[in-house]
Amino acid sequence: MNLNTVVAWVDARERLPRSGYPVAAAITGRYPADDAPESDVAAVGEEFWLVRPMIFTTLHFGEDGAEHRDCFVDSDGVVRLPYGGAGEETVTHWAALPTLPGRTTHGVLGNEVQPALRNAWGTHPTA
C-alpha cells in the first residue's frame, strides 16, 4: 500500500474551500511581544509562516458572539481570514487534508477503527 500523498496548495486570495471542509492552512503573521516566553526573546515580533489544521466555514460565530464570514477556524476557536483581510494572522494558502492511510475518508469511527488500522499497517498488531 502506498502511504505517500501529494499536497496541492491553493492561493487563498484566488479560491476558498467548501464550507465545513477540513484543510491545512498556511498562516502568516508576527509573534506578539506579550506571548513570547522569556527563553524565546528572539521570536518577539518575528514574522512567521506556518501550517495548521483548520476548518473553513462561510459563517462562524466566535465565543464573543462576533459574526465571521469566509474564515478559517482552528481547534482552539481562533478565527483567521484569507490573506488581505483584516486580522493580525491571515491564511495565505490552503490544501485539502489527506485521507487516512489506505482509506478514501478523513475519519473512521467505532467498530471500523481496528480493521482500518490493521489494513493500513498491513499486519495484525500484537497489542
Protein backbone atom coordinates (compact mmCIF):
# COMPACT_ATOMS: atom_id res chain seq x y z
CA MET A 1 0.00 0.00 0.00
CA ASN A 2 1.38 3.42 -0.95
CA LEU A 3 1.19 5.75 2.07
CA ASN A 4 2.62 8.81 0.29
CA THR A 5 0.46 11.78 -0.63
CA VAL A 6 0.87 14.88 -2.75
CA VAL A 7 -0.17 18.28 -1.42
CA ALA A 8 -1.69 20.79 -3.84
CA TRP A 9 -1.66 24.27 -2.27
CA VAL A 10 -4.34 26.77 -3.31
CA ASP A 11 -3.83 30.54 -3.07
CA ALA A 12 -6.47 31.75 -0.58
CA ARG A 13 -6.75 35.05 -2.50
CA GLU A 14 -7.96 33.16 -5.58
CA ARG A 15 -10.21 30.38 -4.27
CA LEU A 16 -11.63 29.17 -0.97
CA PRO A 17 -12.60 25.64 0.08
CA ARG A 18 -16.16 24.42 0.59
CA SER A 19 -17.78 25.33 3.88
CA GLY A 20 -17.09 22.76 6.59
CA TYR A 21 -14.02 21.45 4.74
CA PRO A 22 -11.00 20.45 6.91
CA VAL A 23 -7.79 21.89 5.47
CA ALA A 24 -4.14 22.50 6.15
CA ALA A 25 -3.84 26.30 6.29
CA ALA A 26 -0.61 28.22 5.73
CA ILE A 27 -0.80 31.16 8.16
CA THR A 28 1.34 34.27 8.21
CA GLY A 29 1.66 36.88 10.91
CA ARG A 30 4.02 38.23 13.55
CA TYR A 31 4.63 36.81 17.01
CA PRO A 32 3.22 39.20 19.62
CA ALA A 33 5.57 40.57 22.26
CA ASP A 34 3.18 39.63 25.11
CA ASP A 35 3.03 35.91 24.30
CA ALA A 36 6.73 35.20 23.87
CA PRO A 37 8.31 33.24 26.73
CA GLU A 38 11.40 34.85 28.25
CA SER A 39 13.55 32.00 26.95
CA ASP A 40 12.49 32.81 23.38
CA VAL A 41 13.21 36.53 23.23
CA ALA A 42 14.40 36.17 19.61
CA ALA A 43 10.84 35.34 18.49
CA VAL A 44 9.35 38.60 19.83
CA GLY A 45 7.94 40.49 16.88
CA GLU A 46 9.37 37.98 14.40
CA GLU A 47 7.34 37.18 11.29
CA PHE A 48 6.16 33.61 10.82
CA TRP A 49 4.58 31.43 8.14
CA LEU A 50 3.39 28.04 9.36
CA VAL A 51 0.85 25.30 8.71
CA ARG A 52 -2.10 24.49 11.00
CA PRO A 53 -5.10 22.17 10.57
CA MET A 54 -8.28 24.23 10.33
CA ILE A 55 -11.88 24.12 9.17
CA PHE A 56 -13.13 26.58 6.59
CA THR A 57 -16.62 27.98 7.03
CA THR A 58 -18.73 30.59 5.27
CA LEU A 59 -20.29 31.65 8.61
CA HIS A 60 -18.87 31.37 12.12
CA PHE A 61 -19.92 32.94 15.40
CA GLY A 62 -16.99 33.48 17.76
CA GLU A 63 -17.12 32.92 21.50
CA ASP A 64 -17.76 36.65 21.90
CA GLY A 65 -20.74 36.41 19.54
CA ALA A 66 -18.94 38.17 16.69
CA GLU A 67 -20.01 37.04 13.22
CA HIS A 68 -17.24 35.99 10.81
CA ARG A 69 -17.74 35.17 7.14
CA ASP A 70 -15.49 33.15 4.82
CA CYS A 71 -13.00 32.28 7.53
CA PHE A 72 -10.72 29.52 8.76
CA VAL A 73 -11.18 28.32 12.36
CA ASP A 74 -8.68 26.22 14.31
CA SER A 75 -9.38 23.73 17.10
CA ASP A 76 -8.98 26.48 19.71
CA GLY A 77 -11.66 28.58 18.02
CA VAL A 78 -9.17 31.12 16.66
CA VAL A 79 -10.57 32.73 13.51
CA ARG A 80 -8.29 33.67 10.61
CA LEU A 81 -9.33 35.32 7.37
CA PRO A 82 -7.86 34.82 3.91
CA TYR A 83 -4.76 36.92 3.16
CA GLY A 84 -5.57 40.57 2.52
CA GLY A 85 -8.43 40.55 5.03
CA ALA A 86 -8.47 42.03 8.50
CA GLY A 87 -6.53 40.38 11.30
CA GLU A 88 -3.00 40.01 12.56
CA GLU A 89 -2.73 36.45 11.26
CA THR A 90 -4.10 35.52 7.86
CA VAL A 91 -4.25 32.40 5.66
CA THR A 92 -2.10 32.65 2.54
CA HIS A 93 -2.77 29.18 1.13
CA TRP A 94 -4.81 26.08 1.93
CA ALA A 95 -4.64 22.43 0.98
CA ALA A 96 -7.05 19.56 1.37
CA LEU A 97 -6.04 17.27 4.20
CA PRO A 98 -5.03 13.80 3.07
CA THR A 99 -7.36 10.90 3.71
CA LEU A 100 -6.48 8.28 6.29
CA PRO A 101 -3.83 5.76 5.17
CA GLY A 102 -5.42 3.15 2.91
CA ARG A 103 -8.81 4.92 3.04
CA THR A 104 -10.78 7.39 0.96
CA THR A 105 -12.18 9.18 4.03
CA HIS A 106 -10.87 11.57 6.69
CA GLY A 107 -12.37 9.68 9.62
CA VAL A 108 -13.37 6.24 10.82
CA LEU A 109 -15.48 5.61 13.93
CA GLY A 110 -16.42 2.77 16.25
CA ASN A 111 -16.02 -0.86 15.24
CA GLU A 112 -14.45 0.10 11.90
CA VAL A 113 -11.32 1.64 13.51
CA GLN A 114 -9.34 -1.51 14.36
CA PRO A 115 -9.89 -3.21 10.96
CA ALA A 116 -8.91 0.05 9.22
CA LEU A 117 -5.74 0.29 11.31
CA ARG A 118 -4.82 -3.33 10.61
CA ASN A 119 -5.34 -2.74 6.90
CA ALA A 120 -3.15 0.39 6.97
CA TRP A 121 -0.38 -1.37 8.88
CA GLY A 122 -0.60 -4.44 6.69
CA THR A 123 -0.31 -6.67 9.75
CA HIS A 124 -2.21 -7.53 12.88
CA PRO A 125 -0.74 -5.62 15.85
CA THR A 126 0.10 -7.73 18.90
CA ALA A 127 -1.15 -5.20 21.42
